[in-house]
Amino acid sequence: MHQDLVAISNVWQCDARIDVLKAEHEGLNRAIKEAEAALLAADAALTAAQSALATVKAADRANTRELDDYTKNRRSTQQMIDTGTAPDYAAAQRQVASLSARIDSLENAGLELIEGVERAQEALAAAERTRLQATATLAAATAALKSRDTPIRKELGEILPRREAAWVALDADLKPQYFDQRRKKKRALVLSIDRTCSQCSTFVPPQVYLDVEAGREAHRCTGCGGWLLPT
């Protein structure tokens, strides 16, 4: 292998590993932020579910109280009719009919409120389960970062000096080219497979292929700019 390729490879191997470690660390931190956001959302949903249940329960209690009052009034009026003590018999009958209509309406509303309470309780239970899951997810994400943070930092601390030494050893003329390749987020080293670049499928001329294979010269792919490795 040509010495320029060896020098580029030394830098590239360090950079590739650094990229992996940094991406892992960023991913672990991102997972924590996403878990924190999910927990906040779960807390908000739980609070809303609790409020909704409290509201429908309060409405059910108010409906029950009103139903009890109307039922008592109807019973009292009906008793006056039955005992003949009603001041106005016809008016008392009309009152009983009006009270009965209202009682029917309140009873129907009560049935709907009971169903509403059940739905709200189910929603609350679901919100509680979601919050528990969000809490567990955050705990797992935090533990994952804790377990990998020190090893990642340690490995980076070992690689960075090697990378610096490899960079110093790289020919000055190659550094801008290498930096440009990194800026474009393209591989610095590529293979020639069936005389085509493995990264962009650009054709590799026979003489270039032979130079690379013999280690006589370092060549870059004319398509993507990656340095061609011998097979």
C-alpha atoms as a PDB file:
ATOM      1  CA  MET A   1       0.000   0.000   0.000  1.00  0.00           C
ATOM      2  CA  HIS A   2       1.281   3.461  -0.858  1.00  0.00           C
ATOM      3  CA  GLN A   3       2.581   5.436   2.125  1.00  0.00           C
ATOM      4  CA  ASP A   4       0.035   8.226   1.544  1.00  0.00           C
ATOM      5  CA  LEU A   5      -2.743   5.676   1.820  1.00  0.00           C
ATOM      6  CA  VAL A   6      -1.266   4.359   5.045  1.00  0.00           C
ATOM      7  CA  ALA A   7      -1.162   7.889   6.474  1.00  0.00           C
ATOM      8  CA  ILE A   8      -4.705   8.639   5.360  1.00  0.00           C
ATOM      9  CA  SER A   9      -5.871   5.300   6.732  1.00  0.00           C
ATOM     10  CA  ASN A  10      -4.343   6.059  10.132  1.00  0.00           C
ATOM     11  CA  VAL A  11      -6.265   9.314  10.358  1.00  0.00           C
ATOM     12  CA  TRP A  12      -9.446   7.836   8.909  1.00  0.00           C
ATOM     13  CA  GLN A  13      -9.568   4.905  11.306  1.00  0.00           C
ATOM     14  CA  CYS A  14      -9.308   7.273  14.251  1.00  0.00           C
ATOM     15  CA  ASP A  15     -11.941   9.615  12.842  1.00  0.00           C
ATOM     16  CA  ALA A  16     -14.302   6.765  12.027  1.00  0.00           C
ATOM     17  CA  ARG A  17     -14.111   5.449  15.585  1.00  0.00           C
ATOM     18  CA  ILE A  18     -14.465   8.961  17.032  1.00  0.00           C
ATOM     19  CA  ASP A  19     -17.565   9.462  14.908  1.00  0.00           C
ATOM     20  CA  VAL A  20     -19.070   6.232  16.245  1.00  0.00           C
ATOM     21  CA  LEU A  21     -18.348   7.136  19.862  1.00  0.00           C
ATOM     22  CA  LYS A  22     -19.678  10.677  19.523  1.00  0.00           C
ATOM     23  CA  ALA A  23     -22.787   9.459  17.735  1.00  0.00           C
ATOM     24  CA  GLU A  24     -23.399   6.928  20.503  1.00  0.00           C
ATOM     25  CA  HIS A  25     -22.996   9.559  23.199  1.00  0.00           C
ATOM     26  CA  GLU A  26     -25.266  11.989  21.370  1.00  0.00           C
ATOM     27  CA  GLY A  27     -27.823   9.229  20.897  1.00  0.00           C
ATOM     28  CA  LEU A  28     -27.793   8.393  24.594  1.00  0.00           C
ATOM     29  CA  ASN A  29     -28.292  12.042  25.522  1.00  0.00           C
ATOM     30  CA  ARG A  30     -31.013  12.402  22.913  1.00  0.00           C
ATOM     31  CA  ALA A  31     -32.791   9.364  24.331  1.00  0.00           C
ATOM     32  CA  ILE A  32     -32.831  11.007  27.761  1.00  0.00           C
ATOM     33  CA  LYS A  33     -34.228  14.261  26.375  1.00  0.00           C
ATOM     34  CA  GLU A  34     -36.924  12.389  24.467  1.00  0.00           C
ATOM     35  CA  ALA A  35     -37.781  10.359  27.573  1.00  0.00           C
ATOM     36  CA  GLU A  36     -37.982  13.549  29.660  1.00  0.00           C
ATOM     37  CA  ALA A  37     -40.289  15.121  27.088  1.00  0.00           C
ATOM     38  CA  ALA A  38     -42.442  11.980  27.050  1.00  0.00           C
ATOM     39  CA  LEU A  39     -42.649  12.051  30.850  1.00  0.00           C
ATOM     40  CA  LEU A  40     -43.716  15.698  30.824  1.00  0.00           C
ATOM     41  CA  ALA A  41     -46.403  14.847  28.282  1.00  0.00           C
ATOM     42  CA  ALA A  42     -47.497  11.876  30.387  1.00  0.00           C
ATOM     43  CA  ASP A  43     -47.693  14.092  33.480  1.00  0.00           C
ATOM     44  CA  ALA A  44     -49.844  16.594  31.587  1.00  0.00           C
ATOM     45  CA  ALA A  45     -52.110  13.823  30.289  1.00  0.00           C
ATOM     46  CA  LEU A  46     -52.413  12.360  33.792  1.00  0.00           C
ATOM     47  CA  THR A  47     -53.338  15.748  35.255  1.00  0.00           C
ATOM     48  CA  ALA A  48     -55.939  16.242  32.519  1.00  0.00           C
ATOM     49  CA  ALA A  49     -57.379  12.769  33.135  1.00  0.00           C
ATOM     50  CA  GLN A  50     -57.579  13.411  36.874  1.00  0.00           C
ATOM     51  CA  SER A  51     -59.301  16.731  36.252  1.00  0.00           C
ATOM     52  CA  ALA A  52     -61.752  15.169  33.793  1.00  0.00           C
ATOM     53  CA  LEU A  53     -62.653  12.424  36.279  1.00  0.00           C
ATOM     54  CA  ALA A  54     -63.126  14.945  39.069  1.00  0.00           C
ATOM     55  CA  THR A  55     -65.373  17.065  36.823  1.00  0.00           C
ATOM     56  CA  VAL A  56     -67.619  14.208  35.750  1.00  0.00           C
ATOM     57  CA  LYS A  57     -67.835  12.900  39.309  1.00  0.00           C
ATOM     58  CA  ALA A  58     -68.863  16.352  40.542  1.00  0.00           C
ATOM     59  CA  ALA A  59     -71.512  16.506  37.824  1.00  0.00           C
ATOM     60  CA  ASP A  60     -72.761  13.061  38.840  1.00  0.00           C
ATOM     61  CA  ARG A  61     -73.021  14.111  42.486  1.00  0.00           C
ATOM     62  CA  ALA A  62     -74.882  17.294  41.547  1.00  0.00           C
ATOM     63  CA  ASN A  63     -77.258  15.309  39.342  1.00  0.00           C
ATOM     64  CA  THR A  64     -77.875  12.808  42.148  1.00  0.00           C
ATOM     65  CA  ARG A  65     -78.652  15.591  44.637  1.00  0.00           C
ATOM     66  CA  GLU A  66     -81.063  17.239  42.226  1.00  0.00           C
ATOM     67  CA  LEU A  67     -82.710  13.897  41.493  1.00  0.00           C
ATOM     68  CA  ASP A  68     -83.155  13.256  45.213  1.00  0.00           C
ATOM     69  CA  ASP A  69     -84.750  16.691  45.685  1.00  0.00           C
ATOM     70  CA  TYR A  70     -87.192  16.238  42.827  1.00  0.00           C
ATOM     71  CA  THR A  71     -88.039  12.704  43.982  1.00  0.00           C
ATOM     72  CA  LYS A  72     -88.783  13.964  47.506  1.00  0.00           C
ATOM     73  CA  ASN A  73     -90.949  16.794  46.154  1.00  0.00           C
ATOM     74  CA  ARG A  74     -92.906  14.404  43.943  1.00  0.00           C
ATOM     75  CA  ARG A  75     -93.404  11.983  46.823  1.00  0.00           C
ATOM     76  CA  SER A  76     -94.604  14.783  49.062  1.00  0.00           C
ATOM     77  CA  THR A  77     -97.000  16.164  46.445  1.00  0.00           C
ATOM     78  CA  GLN A  78     -98.308  12.710  45.584  1.00  0.00           C
ATOM     79  CA  GLN A  79     -98.924  12.064  49.273  1.00  0.00           C
ATOM     80  CA  MET A  80    -101.047  15.217  49.511  1.00  0.00           C
ATOM     81  CA  ILE A  81    -103.041  14.058  46.504  1.00  0.00           C
ATOM     82  CA  ASP A  82    -103.494  10.594  48.000  1.00  0.00           C
ATOM     83  CA  THR A  83    -104.606  11.964  51.399  1.00  0.00           C
ATOM     84  CA  GLY A  84    -106.765  14.717  49.915  1.00  0.00           C
ATOM     85  CA  THR A  85    -104.805  17.462  51.638  1.00  0.00           C
ATOM     86  CA  ALA A  86    -103.626  19.193  48.443  1.00  0.00           C
ATOM     87  CA  PRO A  87    -104.899  22.811  48.343  1.00  0.00           C
ATOM     88  CA  ASP A  88    -105.513  22.503  44.600  1.00  0.00           C
ATOM     89  CA  TYR A  89    -105.956  18.976  43.308  1.00  0.00           C
ATOM     90  CA  ALA A  90    -105.518  19.820  39.623  1.00  0.00           C
ATOM     91  CA  ALA A  91    -102.441  21.960  40.282  1.00  0.00           C
ATOM     92  CA  ALA A  92    -100.954  19.169  42.395  1.00  0.00           C
ATOM     93  CA  GLN A  93    -101.440  16.670  39.580  1.00  0.00           C
ATOM     94  CA  ARG A  94     -99.793  19.023  37.114  1.00  0.00           C
ATOM     95  CA  GLN A  95     -96.908  19.441  39.544  1.00  0.00           C
ATOM     96  CA  VAL A  96     -96.492  15.675  39.868  1.00  0.00           C
ATOM     97  CA  ALA A  97     -96.423  15.345  36.085  1.00  0.00           C
ATOM     98  CA  SER A  98     -93.824  18.134  35.796  1.00  0.00           C
ATOM     99  CA  LEU A  99     -91.709  16.608  38.561  1.00  0.00           C
ATOM    100  CA  SER A 100     -91.919  13.173  36.935  1.00  0.00           C
ATOM    101  CA  ALA A 101     -90.711  14.579  33.606  1.00  0.00           C
ATOM    102  CA  ARG A 102     -87.778  16.238  35.306  1.00  0.00           C
ATOM    103  CA  ILE A 103     -86.985  13.055  37.242  1.00  0.00           C
ATOM    104  CA  ASP A 104     -86.946  11.052  34.012  1.00  0.00           C
ATOM    105  CA  SER A 105     -84.566  13.571  32.488  1.00  0.00           C
ATOM    106  CA  LEU A 106     -82.278  13.463  35.525  1.00  0.00           C
ATOM    107  CA  GLU A 107     -82.292   9.662  35.577  1.00  0.00           C
ATOM    108  CA  ASN A 108     -81.264   9.550  31.907  1.00  0.00           C
ATOM    109  CA  ALA A 109     -78.568  12.114  32.593  1.00  0.00           C
ATOM    110  CA  GLY A 110     -77.461  10.020  35.555  1.00  0.00           C
ATOM    111  CA  LEU A 111     -76.991   6.961  33.353  1.00  0.00           C
ATOM    112  CA  GLU A 112     -74.888   8.978  30.933  1.00  0.00           C
ATOM    113  CA  LEU A 113     -72.839  10.404  33.796  1.00  0.00           C
ATOM    114  CA  ILE A 114     -72.212   6.911  35.180  1.00  0.00           C
ATOM    115  CA  GLU A 115     -70.888   5.886  31.768  1.00  0.00           C
ATOM    116  CA  GLY A 116     -68.861   9.095  31.704  1.00  0.00           C
ATOM    117  CA  VAL A 117     -67.318   8.267  35.066  1.00  0.00           C
ATOM    118  CA  GLU A 118     -66.385   4.796  33.824  1.00  0.00           C
ATOM    119  CA  ARG A 119     -64.782   6.218  30.689  1.00  0.00           C
ATOM    120  CA  ALA A 120     -62.915   8.817  32.711  1.00  0.00           C
ATOM    121  CA  GLN A 121     -61.673   6.130  35.103  1.00  0.00           C
ATOM    122  CA  GLU A 122     -60.446   4.049  32.168  1.00  0.00           C
ATOM    123  CA  ALA A 123     -58.711   7.110  30.703  1.00  0.00           C
ATOM    124  CA  LEU A 124     -57.098   7.826  34.052  1.00  0.00           C
ATOM    125  CA  ALA A 125     -55.863   4.242  34.359  1.00  0.00           C
ATOM    126  CA  ALA A 126     -54.405   4.442  30.844  1.00  0.00           C
ATOM    127  CA  ALA A 127     -52.720   7.754  31.687  1.00  0.00           C
ATOM    128  CA  GLU A 128     -51.238   6.222  34.839  1.00  0.00           C
ATOM    129  CA  ARG A 129     -49.880   3.279  32.836  1.00  0.00           C
ATOM    130  CA  THR A 130     -48.402   5.645  30.273  1.00  0.00           C
ATOM    131  CA  ARG A 131     -46.698   7.659  32.993  1.00  0.00           C
ATOM    132  CA  LEU A 132     -45.277   4.522  34.589  1.00  0.00           C
ATOM    133  CA  GLN A 133     -43.894   3.469  31.212  1.00  0.00           C
ATOM    134  CA  ALA A 134     -42.466   6.941  30.600  1.00  0.00           C
ATOM    135  CA  THR A 135     -40.823   6.874  34.031  1.00  0.00           C
ATOM    136  CA  ALA A 136     -39.306   3.461  33.312  1.00  0.00           C
ATOM    137  CA  THR A 137     -38.085   4.605  29.895  1.00  0.00           C
ATOM    138  CA  LEU A 138     -36.388   7.649  31.407  1.00  0.00           C
ATOM    139  CA  ALA A 139     -34.771   5.499  34.099  1.00  0.00           C
ATOM    140  CA  ALA A 140     -33.486   3.080  31.458  1.00  0.00           C
ATOM    141  CA  ALA A 141     -32.145   5.899  29.274  1.00  0.00           C
ATOM    142  CA  THR A 142     -30.418   7.500  32.245  1.00  0.00           C
ATOM    143  CA  ALA A 143     -28.886   4.173  33.264  1.00  0.00           C
ATOM    144  CA  ALA A 144     -27.693   3.565  29.691  1.00  0.00           C
ATOM    145  CA  LEU A 145     -25.873   6.882  29.588  1.00  0.00           C
ATOM    146  CA  LYS A 146     -24.416   6.317  33.038  1.00  0.00           C
ATOM    147  CA  SER A 147     -23.038   2.923  32.034  1.00  0.00           C
ATOM    148  CA  ARG A 148     -21.477   4.174  28.785  1.00  0.00           C
ATOM    149  CA  ASP A 149     -20.449   7.747  29.580  1.00  0.00           C
ATOM    150  CA  THR A 150     -17.154   6.930  31.302  1.00  0.00           C
ATOM    151  CA  PRO A 151     -16.070   4.204  28.826  1.00  0.00           C
ATOM    152  CA  ILE A 152     -16.826   6.487  25.878  1.00  0.00           C
ATOM    153  CA  ARG A 153     -14.907   9.378  27.384  1.00  0.00           C
ATOM    154  CA  LYS A 154     -12.024   7.088  28.240  1.00  0.00           C
ATOM    155  CA  GLU A 155     -11.795   5.678  24.719  1.00  0.00           C
ATOM    156  CA  LEU A 156     -12.003   9.146  23.204  1.00  0.00           C
ATOM    157  CA  GLY A 157      -9.225  10.229  25.507  1.00  0.00           C
ATOM    158  CA  GLU A 158      -7.081   7.391  24.142  1.00  0.00           C
ATOM    159  CA  ILE A 159      -7.947   7.919  20.484  1.00  0.00           C
ATOM    160  CA  LEU A 160      -7.591  11.689  20.247  1.00  0.00           C
ATOM    161  CA  PRO A 161      -3.809  11.729  20.869  1.00  0.00           C
ATOM    162  CA  ARG A 162      -3.365   8.969  18.274  1.00  0.00           C
ATOM    163  CA  ARG A 163      -5.466  10.917  15.842  1.00  0.00           C
ATOM    164  CA  GLU A 164      -3.391  14.042  16.441  1.00  0.00           C
ATOM    165  CA  ALA A 165      -0.187  12.145  15.808  1.00  0.00           C
ATOM    166  CA  ALA A 166      -1.627  10.613  12.632  1.00  0.00           C
ATOM    167  CA  TRP A 167      -2.762  14.036  11.452  1.00  0.00           C
ATOM    168  CA  VAL A 168       0.705  15.525  11.996  1.00  0.00           C
ATOM    169  CA  ALA A 169       2.208  12.679   9.976  1.00  0.00           C
ATOM    170  CA  LEU A 170      -0.193  13.275   7.069  1.00  0.00           C
ATOM    171  CA  ASP A 171       1.304  15.136   4.110  1.00  0.00           C
ATOM    172  CA  ALA A 172       0.340  18.813   4.136  1.00  0.00           C
ATOM    173  CA  ASP A 173      -0.966  18.629   0.559  1.00  0.00           C
ATOM    174  CA  LEU A 174      -3.381  15.856   1.526  1.00  0.00           C
ATOM    175  CA  LYS A 175      -4.854  17.573   4.553  1.00  0.00           C
ATOM    176  CA  PRO A 176      -7.163  19.998   2.677  1.00  0.00           C
ATOM    177  CA  GLN A 177      -8.363  17.145   0.485  1.00  0.00           C
ATOM    178  CA  TYR A 178      -9.035  14.947   3.495  1.00  0.00           C
ATOM    179  CA  PHE A 179     -10.782  17.782   5.327  1.00  0.00           C
ATOM    180  CA  ASP A 180     -12.968  18.446   2.289  1.00  0.00           C
ATOM    181  CA  GLN A 181     -13.922  14.779   2.129  1.00  0.00           C
ATOM    182  CA  ARG A 182     -14.906  14.862   5.778  1.00  0.00           C
ATOM    183  CA  ARG A 183     -16.870  18.064   5.288  1.00  0.00           C
ATOM    184  CA  LYS A 184     -18.859  16.391   2.538  1.00  0.00           C
ATOM    185  CA  LYS A 185     -19.516  13.467   4.928  1.00  0.00           C
ATOM    186  CA  LYS A 186     -18.023  10.990   2.465  1.00  0.00           C
ATOM    187  CA  ARG A 187     -15.713   8.098   3.118  1.00  0.00           C
ATOM    188  CA  ALA A 188     -12.028   8.912   2.809  1.00  0.00           C
ATOM    189  CA  LEU A 189     -11.096   5.377   1.729  1.00  0.00           C
ATOM    190  CA  VAL A 190     -12.989   3.347  -0.853  1.00  0.00           C
ATOM    191  CA  LEU A 191     -12.577   0.022  -2.605  1.00  0.00           C
ATOM    192  CA  SER A 192     -12.504  -0.652  -6.318  1.00  0.00           C
ATOM    193  CA  ILE A 193     -14.911  -3.524  -6.913  1.00  0.00           C
ATOM    194  CA  ASP A 194     -15.049  -4.826 -10.481  1.00  0.00           C
ATOM    195  CA  ARG A 195     -13.210  -1.662 -11.505  1.00  0.00           C
ATOM    196  CA  THR A 196     -15.875   0.619 -10.029  1.00  0.00           C
ATOM    197  CA  CYS A 197     -15.820   2.737  -6.864  1.00  0.00           C
ATOM    198  CA  SER A 198     -17.636   1.067  -3.982  1.00  0.00           C
ATOM    199  CA  GLN A 199     -18.953   4.427  -2.803  1.00  0.00           C
ATOM    200  CA  CYS A 200     -20.224   6.055  -5.997  1.00  0.00           C
ATOM    201  CA  SER A 201     -19.850   3.350  -8.714  1.00  0.00           C
ATOM    202  CA  THR A 202     -17.568   5.539 -10.838  1.00  0.00           C
ATOM    203  CA  PHE A 203     -15.390   3.577 -13.266  1.00  0.00           C
ATOM    204  CA  VAL A 204     -11.744   3.153 -12.224  1.00  0.00           C
ATOM    205  CA  PRO A 205      -9.346   3.318 -15.219  1.00  0.00           C
ATOM    206  CA  PRO A 206      -7.084   0.256 -15.652  1.00  0.00           C
ATOM    207  CA  GLN A 207      -3.857   2.186 -15.111  1.00  0.00           C
ATOM    208  CA  VAL A 208      -5.178   3.774 -11.934  1.00  0.00           C
ATOM    209  CA  TYR A 209      -6.271   0.363 -10.692  1.00  0.00           C
ATOM    210  CA  LEU A 210      -2.828  -1.106 -11.405  1.00  0.00           C
ATOM    211  CA  ASP A 211      -1.048   1.798  -9.674  1.00  0.00           C
ATOM    212  CA  VAL A 212      -3.162   1.346  -6.576  1.00  0.00           C
ATOM    213  CA  GLU A 213      -2.758  -2.426  -6.529  1.00  0.00           C
ATOM    214  CA  ALA A 214       1.021  -2.143  -6.920  1.00  0.00           C
ATOM    215  CA  GLY A 215       1.260   0.607  -4.310  1.00  0.00           C
ATOM    216  CA  ARG A 216       3.019   2.897  -6.795  1.00  0.00           C
ATOM    217  CA  GLU A 217       0.747   5.864  -6.299  1.00  0.00           C
ATOM    218  CA  ALA A 218      -2.292   7.004  -4.312  1.00  0.00           C
ATOM    219  CA  HIS A 219      -5.290   7.847  -6.458  1.00  0.00           C
ATOM    220  CA  ARG A 220      -8.644   9.401  -5.683  1.00  0.00           C
ATOM    221  CA  CYS A 221     -11.930   8.373  -7.232  1.00  0.00           C
ATOM    222  CA  THR A 222     -12.922  11.000  -9.794  1.00  0.00           C
ATOM    223  CA  GLY A 223     -16.519  10.680  -8.699  1.00  0.00           C
ATOM    224  CA  CYS A 224     -16.628  10.904  -4.924  1.00  0.00           C
ATOM    225  CA  GLY A 225     -13.049  11.889  -4.091  1.00  0.00           C
ATOM    226  CA  GLY A 226     -12.311   8.879  -1.882  1.00  0.00           C
ATOM    227  CA  TRP A 227      -8.815   7.409  -1.980  1.00  0.00           C
ATOM    228  CA  LEU A 228      -8.812   4.025  -3.672  1.00  0.00           C
ATOM    229  CA  LEU A 229      -7.597   1.084  -1.621  1.00  0.00           C
ATOM    230  CA  PRO A 230      -5.913  -1.972  -3.071  1.00  0.00           C
ATOM    231  CA  THR A 231      -8.094  -5.068  -3.055  1.00  0.00           C
END
